[in-house]
Amino acid sequence: MPKAKITKNTIPATTSSANRTPVKINTGGTPVWYKAIMFGFMLAGLAWLIVNYLAGHQIGFMVELGAWNYGIGFGLFVLGLLMTMGWR
């Protein structure tokens, strides 16, 4: 039976450990202003809903908005919740 041809491996067997070192990206975390805006949106939405429930019938522009008050309140709150996805 004939023997197989043996070829020399052109790729070195050992690799440099410098190429395999993990690199950390954005280790600083989330800026303070981002957190302030995020919590601000959530609190503003909650406050809007509470004011609408307690005194909405006494405030002129809230009476004109009608059911849109719920959209505004929940919209602000959901906007703050969506911003939590960017929080590190």
N, C-alpha and C. Protein backbone atom coordinates (compact mmCIF):
# COMPACT_ATOMS: atom_id res chain seq x y z
N MET A 1 0.84 -1.17 0.00
CA MET A 1 0.00 0.00 0.00
C MET A 1 0.89 1.25 0.00
N PRO A 2 0.58 2.26 -0.88
CA PRO A 2 1.42 3.45 -0.94
C PRO A 2 1.21 4.34 0.29
N LYS A 3 2.26 5.05 0.69
CA LYS A 3 2.18 5.97 1.83
C LYS A 3 1.66 7.33 1.35
N ALA A 4 0.92 8.02 2.25
CA ALA A 4 0.42 9.36 1.94
C ALA A 4 1.54 10.37 1.99
N LYS A 5 1.41 11.39 1.16
CA LYS A 5 2.43 12.43 1.16
C LYS A 5 2.27 13.28 2.43
N ILE A 6 3.33 13.60 3.06
CA ILE A 6 3.32 14.43 4.26
C ILE A 6 3.72 15.83 3.85
N THR A 7 2.83 16.80 4.14
CA THR A 7 3.12 18.19 3.82
C THR A 7 3.48 18.94 5.09
N LYS A 8 4.28 19.94 4.91
CA LYS A 8 4.67 20.76 6.06
C LYS A 8 3.56 21.76 6.34
N ASN A 9 3.27 21.95 7.61
CA ASN A 9 2.24 22.90 8.04
C ASN A 9 2.83 24.30 8.01
N THR A 10 2.22 25.21 7.25
CA THR A 10 2.74 26.57 7.14
C THR A 10 2.24 27.46 8.27
N ILE A 11 1.22 27.03 8.99
CA ILE A 11 0.69 27.82 10.10
C ILE A 11 1.41 27.39 11.37
N PRO A 12 1.96 28.35 12.11
CA PRO A 12 2.67 27.96 13.33
C PRO A 12 1.70 27.34 14.36
N ALA A 13 2.19 26.40 15.11
CA ALA A 13 1.37 25.68 16.09
C ALA A 13 1.02 26.55 17.29
N THR A 14 1.88 27.47 17.66
CA THR A 14 1.60 28.33 18.81
C THR A 14 1.11 29.67 18.32
N THR A 15 0.12 30.22 18.99
CA THR A 15 -0.39 31.54 18.65
C THR A 15 -0.06 32.51 19.77
N SER A 16 0.01 33.74 19.42
CA SER A 16 0.33 34.78 20.39
C SER A 16 -0.85 34.99 21.34
N SER A 17 -0.57 35.09 22.62
CA SER A 17 -1.65 35.30 23.60
C SER A 17 -2.16 36.75 23.55
N ALA A 18 -1.42 37.64 22.92
CA ALA A 18 -1.86 39.04 22.82
C ALA A 18 -3.09 39.16 21.95
N ASN A 19 -3.26 38.30 20.97
CA ASN A 19 -4.42 38.36 20.09
C ASN A 19 -5.67 37.82 20.76
N ARG A 20 -5.50 37.02 21.79
CA ARG A 20 -6.63 36.37 22.44
C ARG A 20 -7.08 37.11 23.70
N THR A 21 -6.48 38.24 24.01
CA THR A 21 -6.84 39.00 25.21
C THR A 21 -8.16 39.73 24.96
N PRO A 22 -9.17 39.54 25.82
CA PRO A 22 -10.43 40.25 25.62
C PRO A 22 -10.27 41.75 25.86
N VAL A 23 -11.01 42.52 25.11
CA VAL A 23 -10.95 43.98 25.20
C VAL A 23 -12.26 44.46 25.78
N LYS A 24 -12.20 45.26 26.82
CA LYS A 24 -13.40 45.83 27.41
C LYS A 24 -13.73 47.13 26.70
N ILE A 25 -15.00 47.27 26.36
CA ILE A 25 -15.45 48.47 25.67
C ILE A 25 -16.46 49.17 26.56
N ASN A 26 -16.36 50.48 26.67
CA ASN A 26 -17.28 51.31 27.45
C ASN A 26 -17.35 50.84 28.90
N THR A 27 -16.22 50.88 29.58
CA THR A 27 -16.19 50.46 30.97
C THR A 27 -16.62 51.58 31.91
N GLY A 28 -16.88 52.76 31.38
CA GLY A 28 -17.24 53.89 32.22
C GLY A 28 -18.65 53.82 32.75
N GLY A 29 -19.52 53.02 32.17
CA GLY A 29 -20.90 52.95 32.62
C GLY A 29 -21.75 54.04 31.98
N THR A 30 -22.96 54.16 32.48
CA THR A 30 -23.91 55.13 31.95
C THR A 30 -23.66 56.50 32.59
N PRO A 31 -23.68 57.57 31.79
CA PRO A 31 -23.49 58.90 32.37
C PRO A 31 -24.64 59.28 33.30
N VAL A 32 -24.34 60.17 34.21
CA VAL A 32 -25.33 60.60 35.20
C VAL A 32 -26.51 61.29 34.52
N TRP A 33 -26.26 62.07 33.47
CA TRP A 33 -27.35 62.79 32.82
C TRP A 33 -28.34 61.82 32.18
N TYR A 34 -27.86 60.68 31.69
CA TYR A 34 -28.76 59.69 31.07
C TYR A 34 -29.70 59.11 32.11
N LYS A 35 -29.15 58.79 33.28
CA LYS A 35 -29.98 58.24 34.36
C LYS A 35 -31.00 59.27 34.83
N ALA A 36 -30.58 60.53 34.91
CA ALA A 36 -31.49 61.59 35.36
C ALA A 36 -32.65 61.76 34.39
N ILE A 37 -32.37 61.75 33.10
CA ILE A 37 -33.43 61.89 32.10
C ILE A 37 -34.35 60.67 32.12
N MET A 38 -33.76 59.49 32.25
CA MET A 38 -34.54 58.25 32.26
C MET A 38 -35.51 58.24 33.44
N PHE A 39 -35.01 58.49 34.64
CA PHE A 39 -35.89 58.51 35.81
C PHE A 39 -36.84 59.71 35.77
N GLY A 40 -36.40 60.80 35.14
CA GLY A 40 -37.27 61.96 34.99
C GLY A 40 -38.48 61.66 34.14
N PHE A 41 -38.28 60.95 33.03
CA PHE A 41 -39.41 60.56 32.18
C PHE A 41 -40.38 59.66 32.94
N MET A 42 -39.84 58.70 33.67
CA MET A 42 -40.71 57.78 34.40
C MET A 42 -41.50 58.52 35.48
N LEU A 43 -40.83 59.40 36.21
CA LEU A 43 -41.53 60.15 37.27
C LEU A 43 -42.51 61.16 36.69
N ALA A 44 -42.17 61.77 35.56
CA ALA A 44 -43.09 62.72 34.93
C ALA A 44 -44.35 62.01 34.44
N GLY A 45 -44.19 60.83 33.87
CA GLY A 45 -45.36 60.06 33.43
C GLY A 45 -46.23 59.65 34.61
N LEU A 46 -45.61 59.21 35.68
CA LEU A 46 -46.36 58.83 36.87
C LEU A 46 -47.06 60.03 37.48
N ALA A 47 -46.36 61.16 37.55
CA ALA A 47 -46.96 62.38 38.09
C ALA A 47 -48.13 62.85 37.22
N TRP A 48 -47.97 62.75 35.91
CA TRP A 48 -49.05 63.16 35.00
C TRP A 48 -50.31 62.34 35.25
N LEU A 49 -50.14 61.03 35.41
CA LEU A 49 -51.29 60.15 35.66
C LEU A 49 -51.93 60.44 37.02
N ILE A 50 -51.11 60.68 38.03
CA ILE A 50 -51.65 60.96 39.37
C ILE A 50 -52.40 62.28 39.38
N VAL A 51 -51.81 63.32 38.78
CA VAL A 51 -52.48 64.62 38.74
C VAL A 51 -53.76 64.52 37.92
N ASN A 52 -53.75 63.79 36.84
CA ASN A 52 -54.95 63.61 36.03
C ASN A 52 -56.04 62.91 36.84
N TYR A 53 -55.66 61.94 37.62
CA TYR A 53 -56.65 61.20 38.40
C TYR A 53 -57.21 62.04 39.55
N LEU A 54 -56.34 62.78 40.23
CA LEU A 54 -56.77 63.53 41.41
C LEU A 54 -57.40 64.88 41.08
N ALA A 55 -56.82 65.62 40.14
CA ALA A 55 -57.29 66.98 39.90
C ALA A 55 -57.45 67.30 38.42
N GLY A 56 -57.56 66.30 37.57
CA GLY A 56 -57.66 66.54 36.13
C GLY A 56 -58.92 67.29 35.74
N HIS A 57 -60.00 67.10 36.47
CA HIS A 57 -61.25 67.78 36.13
C HIS A 57 -61.22 69.26 36.51
N GLN A 58 -60.25 69.69 37.30
CA GLN A 58 -60.14 71.10 37.70
C GLN A 58 -59.12 71.87 36.86
N ILE A 59 -58.31 71.20 36.10
CA ILE A 59 -57.27 71.84 35.29
C ILE A 59 -57.78 71.92 33.86
N GLY A 60 -57.81 73.14 33.33
CA GLY A 60 -58.44 73.41 32.04
C GLY A 60 -57.89 72.61 30.87
N PHE A 61 -56.57 72.64 30.69
CA PHE A 61 -56.01 71.96 29.52
C PHE A 61 -56.11 70.45 29.65
N MET A 62 -56.15 69.94 30.87
CA MET A 62 -56.30 68.49 31.04
C MET A 62 -57.73 68.05 30.72
N VAL A 63 -58.69 68.93 30.97
CA VAL A 63 -60.07 68.61 30.61
C VAL A 63 -60.20 68.55 29.10
N GLU A 64 -59.52 69.48 28.40
CA GLU A 64 -59.57 69.50 26.94
C GLU A 64 -58.88 68.29 26.32
N LEU A 65 -57.83 67.79 26.97
CA LEU A 65 -57.12 66.63 26.44
C LEU A 65 -57.93 65.35 26.57
N GLY A 66 -58.73 65.27 27.59
CA GLY A 66 -59.59 64.10 27.77
C GLY A 66 -58.80 62.81 27.97
N ALA A 67 -59.11 61.82 27.14
CA ALA A 67 -58.46 60.52 27.27
C ALA A 67 -57.00 60.54 26.84
N TRP A 68 -56.57 61.59 26.14
CA TRP A 68 -55.17 61.70 25.73
C TRP A 68 -54.25 61.84 26.93
N ASN A 69 -54.79 62.20 28.08
CA ASN A 69 -53.97 62.28 29.29
C ASN A 69 -53.34 60.93 29.62
N TYR A 70 -54.10 59.85 29.40
CA TYR A 70 -53.54 58.52 29.65
C TYR A 70 -52.43 58.20 28.67
N GLY A 71 -52.61 58.60 27.42
CA GLY A 71 -51.56 58.39 26.42
C GLY A 71 -50.29 59.14 26.74
N ILE A 72 -50.45 60.38 27.21
CA ILE A 72 -49.29 61.19 27.57
C ILE A 72 -48.58 60.59 28.78
N GLY A 73 -49.34 60.26 29.82
CA GLY A 73 -48.74 59.71 31.04
C GLY A 73 -48.04 58.39 30.79
N PHE A 74 -48.75 57.46 30.14
CA PHE A 74 -48.14 56.17 29.87
C PHE A 74 -47.02 56.28 28.84
N GLY A 75 -47.14 57.21 27.91
CA GLY A 75 -46.08 57.41 26.92
C GLY A 75 -44.79 57.87 27.56
N LEU A 76 -44.87 58.82 28.49
CA LEU A 76 -43.67 59.28 29.19
C LEU A 76 -43.06 58.15 30.02
N PHE A 77 -43.93 57.40 30.68
CA PHE A 77 -43.44 56.30 31.51
C PHE A 77 -42.76 55.22 30.67
N VAL A 78 -43.36 54.86 29.55
CA VAL A 78 -42.79 53.83 28.67
C VAL A 78 -41.49 54.34 28.04
N LEU A 79 -41.42 55.62 27.73
CA LEU A 79 -40.18 56.18 27.19
C LEU A 79 -39.04 56.02 28.19
N GLY A 80 -39.33 56.27 29.47
CA GLY A 80 -38.32 56.05 30.51
C GLY A 80 -37.95 54.58 30.63
N LEU A 81 -38.93 53.70 30.52
CA LEU A 81 -38.64 52.27 30.59
C LEU A 81 -37.81 51.80 29.40
N LEU A 82 -38.07 52.35 28.22
CA LEU A 82 -37.27 51.99 27.05
C LEU A 82 -35.82 52.46 27.19
N MET A 83 -35.65 53.56 27.89
CA MET A 83 -34.29 54.06 28.10
C MET A 83 -33.49 53.15 29.03
N THR A 84 -34.17 52.34 29.84
CA THR A 84 -33.43 51.43 30.73
C THR A 84 -32.63 50.39 29.94
N MET A 85 -32.99 50.16 28.69
CA MET A 85 -32.23 49.21 27.88
C MET A 85 -30.84 49.73 27.55
N GLY A 86 -30.65 51.03 27.60
CA GLY A 86 -29.32 51.60 27.34
C GLY A 86 -28.52 51.84 28.61
N TRP A 87 -29.09 51.46 29.74
CA TRP A 87 -28.43 51.68 31.03
C TRP A 87 -27.44 50.55 31.28
N ARG A 88 -26.20 50.89 31.58
CA ARG A 88 -25.17 49.88 31.86
C ARG A 88 -24.66 50.04 33.26
